[in-house]
Amino acid sequence: MTPTVTAWQKSSGYNVRAPVKAFFSRWKRVIGNDRRLRTENRRNTGIAIPVRVLNYMLDPGRSSFVRIA
């Protein structure tokens, strides 16, 4: 990387936004952009399944925090 690109990334906050954009890109690939389920119950089920899949995919890399009081 050139110093200009690195400076640009730091000044614009690109390095902070990139993981968020990647998360939503993954989300859209898993559940798709449009849901065609007609009833509320089926919509909830149709979203619950991909949410579980995505959480399963992200779990190994997720940090766990323990509060020390």
N, C-alpha and C. Protein backbone atom coordinates (compact mmCIF):
# COMPACT_ATOMS: atom_id res chain seq x y z
N MET A 1 0.83 -1.19 0.00
CA MET A 1 0.00 0.00 0.00
C MET A 1 0.87 1.25 0.00
N THR A 2 0.39 2.22 -0.69
CA THR A 2 1.14 3.47 -0.71
C THR A 2 0.76 4.29 0.51
N PRO A 3 1.66 5.17 0.94
CA PRO A 3 1.35 6.00 2.11
C PRO A 3 0.10 6.86 1.92
N THR A 4 -0.19 7.27 0.68
CA THR A 4 -1.37 8.10 0.44
C THR A 4 -2.65 7.33 0.72
N VAL A 5 -2.70 6.08 0.29
CA VAL A 5 -3.89 5.27 0.51
C VAL A 5 -4.07 5.03 2.00
N THR A 6 -3.00 4.73 2.69
CA THR A 6 -3.09 4.49 4.13
C THR A 6 -3.57 5.74 4.86
N ALA A 7 -3.04 6.90 4.49
CA ALA A 7 -3.47 8.15 5.12
C ALA A 7 -4.93 8.42 4.83
N TRP A 8 -5.34 8.15 3.59
CA TRP A 8 -6.74 8.34 3.22
C TRP A 8 -7.64 7.43 4.04
N GLN A 9 -7.23 6.17 4.21
CA GLN A 9 -8.04 5.23 4.98
C GLN A 9 -8.17 5.67 6.42
N LYS A 10 -7.09 6.13 7.00
CA LYS A 10 -7.13 6.58 8.40
C LYS A 10 -7.98 7.84 8.55
N SER A 11 -7.83 8.78 7.63
CA SER A 11 -8.56 10.05 7.76
C SER A 11 -10.06 9.87 7.52
N SER A 12 -10.43 8.92 6.67
CA SER A 12 -11.86 8.75 6.36
C SER A 12 -12.55 7.74 7.26
N GLY A 13 -11.77 6.98 8.01
CA GLY A 13 -12.36 5.94 8.86
C GLY A 13 -12.72 4.69 8.08
N TYR A 14 -12.09 4.49 6.92
CA TYR A 14 -12.39 3.34 6.08
C TYR A 14 -12.15 2.03 6.82
N ASN A 15 -11.10 1.96 7.59
CA ASN A 15 -10.76 0.72 8.30
C ASN A 15 -11.81 0.35 9.34
N VAL A 16 -12.57 1.32 9.80
CA VAL A 16 -13.65 1.06 10.74
C VAL A 16 -14.89 0.61 9.99
N ARG A 17 -15.15 1.22 8.84
CA ARG A 17 -16.35 0.90 8.06
C ARG A 17 -16.26 -0.43 7.34
N ALA A 18 -15.07 -0.83 6.93
CA ALA A 18 -14.91 -2.04 6.10
C ALA A 18 -15.50 -3.29 6.76
N PRO A 19 -15.24 -3.58 8.04
CA PRO A 19 -15.85 -4.78 8.64
C PRO A 19 -17.37 -4.71 8.69
N VAL A 20 -17.91 -3.52 8.89
CA VAL A 20 -19.37 -3.36 8.93
C VAL A 20 -19.95 -3.64 7.55
N LYS A 21 -19.31 -3.11 6.51
CA LYS A 21 -19.77 -3.35 5.15
C LYS A 21 -19.67 -4.83 4.81
N ALA A 22 -18.61 -5.48 5.25
CA ALA A 22 -18.44 -6.92 4.99
C ALA A 22 -19.53 -7.72 5.69
N PHE A 23 -19.89 -7.32 6.91
CA PHE A 23 -20.94 -8.00 7.66
C PHE A 23 -22.27 -7.94 6.90
N PHE A 24 -22.64 -6.74 6.44
CA PHE A 24 -23.91 -6.60 5.74
C PHE A 24 -23.89 -7.29 4.38
N SER A 25 -22.74 -7.32 3.75
CA SER A 25 -22.62 -8.04 2.48
C SER A 25 -22.86 -9.53 2.71
N ARG A 26 -22.25 -10.07 3.77
CA ARG A 26 -22.46 -11.48 4.12
C ARG A 26 -23.93 -11.74 4.44
N TRP A 27 -24.53 -10.84 5.18
CA TRP A 27 -25.93 -10.96 5.57
C TRP A 27 -26.83 -11.04 4.33
N LYS A 28 -26.59 -10.14 3.37
CA LYS A 28 -27.41 -10.13 2.16
C LYS A 28 -27.21 -11.39 1.34
N ARG A 29 -25.99 -11.92 1.33
CA ARG A 29 -25.76 -13.16 0.59
C ARG A 29 -26.46 -14.33 1.25
N VAL A 30 -26.52 -14.34 2.58
CA VAL A 30 -27.15 -15.45 3.29
C VAL A 30 -28.67 -15.40 3.15
N ILE A 31 -29.26 -14.24 3.41
CA ILE A 31 -30.73 -14.19 3.40
C ILE A 31 -31.31 -13.68 2.09
N GLY A 32 -30.51 -13.08 1.26
CA GLY A 32 -31.03 -12.54 0.01
C GLY A 32 -31.59 -11.14 0.23
N ASN A 33 -31.75 -10.42 -0.85
CA ASN A 33 -32.22 -9.04 -0.73
C ASN A 33 -33.72 -8.93 -0.56
N ASP A 34 -34.48 -9.84 -1.16
CA ASP A 34 -35.93 -9.70 -1.03
C ASP A 34 -36.54 -10.98 -0.48
N ARG A 35 -37.40 -10.80 0.46
CA ARG A 35 -38.10 -11.93 1.08
C ARG A 35 -39.52 -11.92 0.54
N ARG A 36 -39.99 -13.04 0.03
CA ARG A 36 -41.32 -13.10 -0.58
C ARG A 36 -42.32 -13.89 0.26
N LEU A 37 -42.04 -14.03 1.52
CA LEU A 37 -42.95 -14.76 2.39
C LEU A 37 -44.10 -13.84 2.79
N ARG A 38 -45.32 -14.34 2.69
CA ARG A 38 -46.49 -13.47 2.83
C ARG A 38 -47.00 -13.29 4.25
N THR A 39 -46.96 -14.33 5.06
CA THR A 39 -47.50 -14.18 6.41
C THR A 39 -46.40 -13.78 7.37
N GLU A 40 -46.78 -13.13 8.44
CA GLU A 40 -45.82 -12.66 9.44
C GLU A 40 -45.06 -13.83 10.07
N ASN A 41 -45.78 -14.91 10.35
CA ASN A 41 -45.14 -16.07 10.97
C ASN A 41 -44.07 -16.66 10.06
N ARG A 42 -44.37 -16.79 8.78
CA ARG A 42 -43.39 -17.34 7.84
C ARG A 42 -42.23 -16.39 7.64
N ARG A 43 -42.50 -15.08 7.67
CA ARG A 43 -41.42 -14.10 7.56
C ARG A 43 -40.47 -14.22 8.73
N ASN A 44 -41.04 -14.36 9.93
CA ASN A 44 -40.19 -14.50 11.12
C ASN A 44 -39.33 -15.75 11.04
N THR A 45 -39.93 -16.86 10.59
CA THR A 45 -39.17 -18.10 10.45
C THR A 45 -38.13 -17.95 9.35
N GLY A 46 -38.51 -17.29 8.26
CA GLY A 46 -37.60 -17.11 7.14
C GLY A 46 -36.39 -16.25 7.48
N ILE A 47 -36.53 -15.39 8.46
CA ILE A 47 -35.40 -14.57 8.91
C ILE A 47 -34.63 -15.29 10.03
N ALA A 48 -35.33 -16.02 10.89
CA ALA A 48 -34.68 -16.68 12.03
C ALA A 48 -33.63 -17.69 11.58
N ILE A 49 -33.92 -18.42 10.52
CA ILE A 49 -32.98 -19.45 10.05
C ILE A 49 -31.67 -18.82 9.57
N PRO A 50 -31.71 -17.83 8.65
CA PRO A 50 -30.45 -17.22 8.24
C PRO A 50 -29.71 -16.51 9.37
N VAL A 51 -30.45 -15.95 10.33
CA VAL A 51 -29.80 -15.30 11.47
C VAL A 51 -28.99 -16.32 12.25
N ARG A 52 -29.57 -17.50 12.48
CA ARG A 52 -28.82 -18.55 13.18
C ARG A 52 -27.60 -19.00 12.40
N VAL A 53 -27.77 -19.13 11.09
CA VAL A 53 -26.64 -19.53 10.24
C VAL A 53 -25.53 -18.49 10.32
N LEU A 54 -25.90 -17.21 10.20
CA LEU A 54 -24.90 -16.15 10.24
C LEU A 54 -24.22 -16.09 11.60
N ASN A 55 -24.97 -16.23 12.68
CA ASN A 55 -24.36 -16.24 14.01
C ASN A 55 -23.42 -17.42 14.17
N TYR A 56 -23.79 -18.56 13.60
CA TYR A 56 -22.93 -19.74 13.66
C TYR A 56 -21.62 -19.48 12.90
N MET A 57 -21.73 -18.78 11.76
CA MET A 57 -20.54 -18.46 10.98
C MET A 57 -19.63 -17.47 11.71
N LEU A 58 -20.22 -16.52 12.41
CA LEU A 58 -19.44 -15.46 13.04
C LEU A 58 -18.95 -15.83 14.44
N ASP A 59 -19.54 -16.83 15.07
CA ASP A 59 -19.22 -17.17 16.45
C ASP A 59 -17.74 -17.47 16.70
N PRO A 60 -17.05 -18.25 15.87
CA PRO A 60 -15.65 -18.55 16.17
C PRO A 60 -14.76 -17.32 16.24
N GLY A 61 -15.06 -16.29 15.49
CA GLY A 61 -14.22 -15.09 15.48
C GLY A 61 -14.66 -14.01 16.44
N ARG A 62 -15.77 -14.23 17.13
CA ARG A 62 -16.31 -13.21 18.01
C ARG A 62 -15.60 -13.23 19.36
N SER A 63 -15.26 -12.07 19.83
CA SER A 63 -14.60 -11.98 21.14
C SER A 63 -15.61 -12.17 22.25
N SER A 64 -15.16 -12.73 23.33
CA SER A 64 -16.02 -12.83 24.51
C SER A 64 -15.45 -11.93 25.59
N PHE A 65 -16.31 -11.19 26.23
CA PHE A 65 -15.89 -10.25 27.24
C PHE A 65 -16.38 -10.70 28.61
N VAL A 66 -15.49 -10.60 29.59
CA VAL A 66 -15.84 -10.96 30.95
C VAL A 66 -15.63 -9.73 31.83
N ARG A 67 -16.65 -9.37 32.55
CA ARG A 67 -16.54 -8.20 33.42
C ARG A 67 -15.85 -8.61 34.72
N ILE A 68 -14.86 -7.84 35.09
CA ILE A 68 -14.16 -8.07 36.36
C ILE A 68 -14.52 -6.94 37.30
N ALA A 69 -15.20 -7.31 38.38
CA ALA A 69 -15.67 -6.27 39.31
C ALA A 69 -14.83 -6.22 40.55
